[in-house]
C-alpha cells in the first residue's frame, strides 16, 4: 500500500480472524526519497521491485527487507519482470531497457535458482 511519497507499506494478503491485515515493517531508511512510480512482483523469486522519481529501483524480499538498490541516471516510469528468472524490464522515456537478474540478484538468490525448473 502506498501512503506517502517514497514509503511502501507491505501487507500480507491473508487477513487475520479480526479482519485486519498484518503489516510487515521495514527500516524507514530503506524507503525511496521520492514518489514511487511503479511496483511489480515476482512470485517465482519471491521478490518485488519498486521504482521511484528518486532515480532508484529497489529490490525487496518477501519479508519486506531491502535486498538491493540500483541507482539510475534518470527516472524510470514503469517496471515489470520479463521472465521467471527475474530479468527486470523498465521504461525510461521512450525506451524499454532490460536489467538481467545476474546483475542485481544477490548470490544466495542465484544459488537457489540452480536446478529450479520454471514453467514455459
C-alpha atoms as a PDB file:
ATOM      1  CA  UNK A   1       0.000   0.000   0.000  1.00  0.00           C
ATOM      2  CA  UNK A   2       1.395   3.409  -0.975  1.00  0.00           C
ATOM      3  CA  UNK A   3       0.801   6.097   1.623  1.00  0.00           C
ATOM      4  CA  UNK A   4       3.353   8.880   1.489  1.00  0.00           C
ATOM      5  CA  UNK A   5       5.783   9.726  -1.282  1.00  0.00           C
ATOM      6  CA  UNK A   6       8.507   7.110  -1.248  1.00  0.00           C
ATOM      7  CA  UNK A   7       7.040   4.986   1.553  1.00  0.00           C
ATOM      8  CA  UNK A   8       5.901   1.464   0.814  1.00  0.00           C
ATOM      9  CA  UNK A   9       3.818  -0.386   3.382  1.00  0.00           C
ATOM     10  CA  UNK A  10       3.581  -4.101   2.643  1.00  0.00           C
ATOM     11  CA  UNK A  11       0.568  -6.016   3.887  1.00  0.00           C
ATOM     12  CA  UNK A  12       0.248  -9.788   3.714  1.00  0.00           C
ATOM     13  CA  UNK A  13      -2.755 -10.884   1.676  1.00  0.00           C
ATOM     14  CA  UNK A  14      -4.220 -13.230   4.285  1.00  0.00           C
ATOM     15  CA  UNK A  15      -6.488 -11.380   6.663  1.00  0.00           C
ATOM     16  CA  UNK A  16      -6.423 -12.208  10.343  1.00  0.00           C
ATOM     17  CA  UNK A  17      -9.583 -13.506  12.056  1.00  0.00           C
ATOM     18  CA  UNK A  18     -10.338  -9.976  13.261  1.00  0.00           C
ATOM     19  CA  UNK A  19     -10.407  -8.791   9.639  1.00  0.00           C
ATOM     20  CA  UNK A  20      -7.165  -6.820   9.896  1.00  0.00           C
ATOM     21  CA  UNK A  21      -4.188  -7.406   7.652  1.00  0.00           C
ATOM     22  CA  UNK A  22      -0.731  -7.965   9.068  1.00  0.00           C
ATOM     23  CA  UNK A  23       1.644  -5.126   8.195  1.00  0.00           C
ATOM     24  CA  UNK A  24       5.251  -6.150   7.565  1.00  0.00           C
ATOM     25  CA  UNK A  25       7.531  -3.269   8.633  1.00  0.00           C
ATOM     26  CA  UNK A  26      10.945  -2.442   7.271  1.00  0.00           C
ATOM     27  CA  UNK A  27      13.671   0.067   8.034  1.00  0.00           C
ATOM     28  CA  UNK A  28      12.351   3.536   7.043  1.00  0.00           C
ATOM     29  CA  UNK A  29      15.887   4.487   5.977  1.00  0.00           C
ATOM     30  CA  UNK A  30      15.447   1.994   3.119  1.00  0.00           C
ATOM     31  CA  UNK A  31      12.466   3.894   1.653  1.00  0.00           C
ATOM     32  CA  UNK A  32      12.659   5.801  -1.595  1.00  0.00           C
ATOM     33  CA  UNK A  33      13.272   9.514  -1.165  1.00  0.00           C
ATOM     34  CA  UNK A  34      10.732  10.393  -3.863  1.00  0.00           C
ATOM     35  CA  UNK A  35       7.348   9.189  -5.052  1.00  0.00           C
ATOM     36  CA  UNK A  36       7.090   5.578  -6.214  1.00  0.00           C
ATOM     37  CA  UNK A  37       6.273   5.390  -9.923  1.00  0.00           C
ATOM     38  CA  UNK A  38       5.903   1.630 -10.369  1.00  0.00           C
ATOM     39  CA  UNK A  39       5.779  -1.659  -8.473  1.00  0.00           C
ATOM     40  CA  UNK A  40       5.994  -5.256  -9.677  1.00  0.00           C
ATOM     41  CA  UNK A  41       6.125  -8.706  -8.052  1.00  0.00           C
ATOM     42  CA  UNK A  42       7.984 -11.893  -8.993  1.00  0.00           C
ATOM     43  CA  UNK A  43       6.256 -14.842  -7.356  1.00  0.00           C
ATOM     44  CA  UNK A  44       8.906 -17.244  -8.663  1.00  0.00           C
ATOM     45  CA  UNK A  45      11.747 -15.294  -6.998  1.00  0.00           C
ATOM     46  CA  UNK A  46       9.659 -14.155  -4.011  1.00  0.00           C
ATOM     47  CA  UNK A  47      10.769 -10.552  -4.503  1.00  0.00           C
ATOM     48  CA  UNK A  48       9.161  -7.305  -5.509  1.00  0.00           C
ATOM     49  CA  UNK A  49      10.656  -4.240  -7.104  1.00  0.00           C
ATOM     50  CA  UNK A  50       9.770  -0.569  -6.754  1.00  0.00           C
ATOM     51  CA  UNK A  51      10.842   2.348  -8.955  1.00  0.00           C
ATOM     52  CA  UNK A  52      10.862   5.994  -7.933  1.00  0.00           C
ATOM     53  CA  UNK A  53      11.325   9.562  -9.110  1.00  0.00           C
ATOM     54  CA  UNK A  54      14.473   9.498  -6.952  1.00  0.00           C
ATOM     55  CA  UNK A  55      16.081   7.588  -9.890  1.00  0.00           C
ATOM     56  CA  UNK A  56      16.358   4.330  -7.965  1.00  0.00           C
ATOM     57  CA  UNK A  57      14.987   0.827  -8.282  1.00  0.00           C
ATOM     58  CA  UNK A  58      14.735  -1.074  -5.021  1.00  0.00           C
ATOM     59  CA  UNK A  59      14.539  -4.856  -4.765  1.00  0.00           C
ATOM     60  CA  UNK A  60      12.711  -6.186  -1.687  1.00  0.00           C
ATOM     61  CA  UNK A  61      12.366  -9.737  -0.420  1.00  0.00           C
ATOM     62  CA  UNK A  62       9.061 -11.355   0.554  1.00  0.00           C
ATOM     63  CA  UNK A  63       9.621 -10.187   4.161  1.00  0.00           C
ATOM     64  CA  UNK A  64       9.747  -6.524   3.054  1.00  0.00           C
ATOM     65  CA  UNK A  65      13.506  -6.267   3.622  1.00  0.00           C
ATOM     66  CA  UNK A  66      15.631  -4.323   1.152  1.00  0.00           C
ATOM     67  CA  UNK A  67      17.817  -6.659  -0.922  1.00  0.00           C
ATOM     68  CA  UNK A  68      19.489  -4.151  -3.235  1.00  0.00           C
ATOM     69  CA  UNK A  69      19.213  -0.606  -4.549  1.00  0.00           C
ATOM     70  CA  UNK A  70      20.014   0.169  -8.184  1.00  0.00           C
ATOM     71  CA  UNK A  71      20.861   3.819  -8.840  1.00  0.00           C
ATOM     72  CA  UNK A  72      19.981   5.110 -12.301  1.00  0.00           C
ATOM     73  CA  UNK A  73      20.934   8.342 -14.034  1.00  0.00           C
ATOM     74  CA  UNK A  74      17.302   9.038 -14.933  1.00  0.00           C
ATOM     75  CA  UNK A  75      13.771   8.403 -13.665  1.00  0.00           C
ATOM     76  CA  UNK A  76      12.166   5.045 -14.562  1.00  0.00           C
ATOM     77  CA  UNK A  77       8.473   5.394 -15.375  1.00  0.00           C
ATOM     78  CA  UNK A  78       7.439   1.724 -15.258  1.00  0.00           C
ATOM     79  CA  UNK A  79       8.901  -1.663 -14.335  1.00  0.00           C
ATOM     80  CA  UNK A  80       7.873  -5.285 -14.723  1.00  0.00           C
ATOM     81  CA  UNK A  81       9.503  -8.692 -14.666  1.00  0.00           C
ATOM     82  CA  UNK A  82      10.319 -10.027 -18.118  1.00  0.00           C
ATOM     83  CA  UNK A  83      10.568 -13.722 -17.241  1.00  0.00           C
ATOM     84  CA  UNK A  84      10.525 -16.254 -14.387  1.00  0.00           C
ATOM     85  CA  UNK A  85      14.252 -15.882 -13.774  1.00  0.00           C
ATOM     86  CA  UNK A  86      13.745 -12.268 -12.713  1.00  0.00           C
ATOM     87  CA  UNK A  87      15.013 -10.051 -15.534  1.00  0.00           C
ATOM     88  CA  UNK A  88      13.577  -6.574 -14.988  1.00  0.00           C
ATOM     89  CA  UNK A  89      12.139  -4.562 -17.862  1.00  0.00           C
ATOM     90  CA  UNK A  90      11.912  -0.841 -17.284  1.00  0.00           C
ATOM     91  CA  UNK A  91      10.805   2.110 -19.340  1.00  0.00           C
ATOM     92  CA  UNK A  92      12.931   5.205 -19.462  1.00  0.00           C
ATOM     93  CA  UNK A  93      11.470   7.980 -21.605  1.00  0.00           C
ATOM     94  CA  UNK A  94      10.552   6.202 -24.870  1.00  0.00           C
ATOM     95  CA  UNK A  95      12.840   3.179 -24.440  1.00  0.00           C
ATOM     96  CA  UNK A  96      12.496  -0.236 -22.817  1.00  0.00           C
ATOM     97  CA  UNK A  97      15.626  -1.434 -21.025  1.00  0.00           C
ATOM     98  CA  UNK A  98      16.423  -4.836 -19.518  1.00  0.00           C
ATOM     99  CA  UNK A  99      18.328  -5.464 -16.294  1.00  0.00           C
ATOM    100  CA  UNK A 100      19.388  -9.116 -16.183  1.00  0.00           C
ATOM    101  CA  UNK A 101      18.823 -10.978 -12.931  1.00  0.00           C
ATOM    102  CA  UNK A 102      22.537 -11.805 -12.671  1.00  0.00           C
ATOM    103  CA  UNK A 103      23.262  -8.077 -12.399  1.00  0.00           C
ATOM    104  CA  UNK A 104      21.144  -7.402  -9.331  1.00  0.00           C
ATOM    105  CA  UNK A 105      20.219 -10.634  -7.532  1.00  0.00           C
ATOM    106  CA  UNK A 106      22.493 -11.489  -4.587  1.00  0.00           C
ATOM    107  CA  UNK A 107      24.456 -14.730  -4.645  1.00  0.00           C
ATOM    108  CA  UNK A 108      22.055 -16.558  -2.289  1.00  0.00           C
ATOM    109  CA  UNK A 109      19.207 -15.982  -4.773  1.00  0.00           C
ATOM    110  CA  UNK A 110      21.335 -17.179  -7.678  1.00  0.00           C
ATOM    111  CA  UNK A 111      22.290 -20.341  -5.773  1.00  0.00           C
ATOM    112  CA  UNK A 112      18.612 -21.024  -5.087  1.00  0.00           C
ATOM    113  CA  UNK A 113      17.875 -20.782  -8.821  1.00  0.00           C
ATOM    114  CA  UNK A 114      20.201 -23.669  -9.706  1.00  0.00           C
ATOM    115  CA  UNK A 115      18.100 -26.653 -10.627  1.00  0.00           C
ATOM    116  CA  UNK A 116      14.778 -24.770 -10.480  1.00  0.00           C
ATOM    117  CA  UNK A 117      12.603 -25.501 -13.488  1.00  0.00           C
ATOM    118  CA  UNK A 118      10.325 -22.669 -14.485  1.00  0.00           C
ATOM    119  CA  UNK A 119       7.108 -23.129 -16.475  1.00  0.00           C
ATOM    120  CA  UNK A 120       7.252 -22.295 -20.151  1.00  0.00           C
END
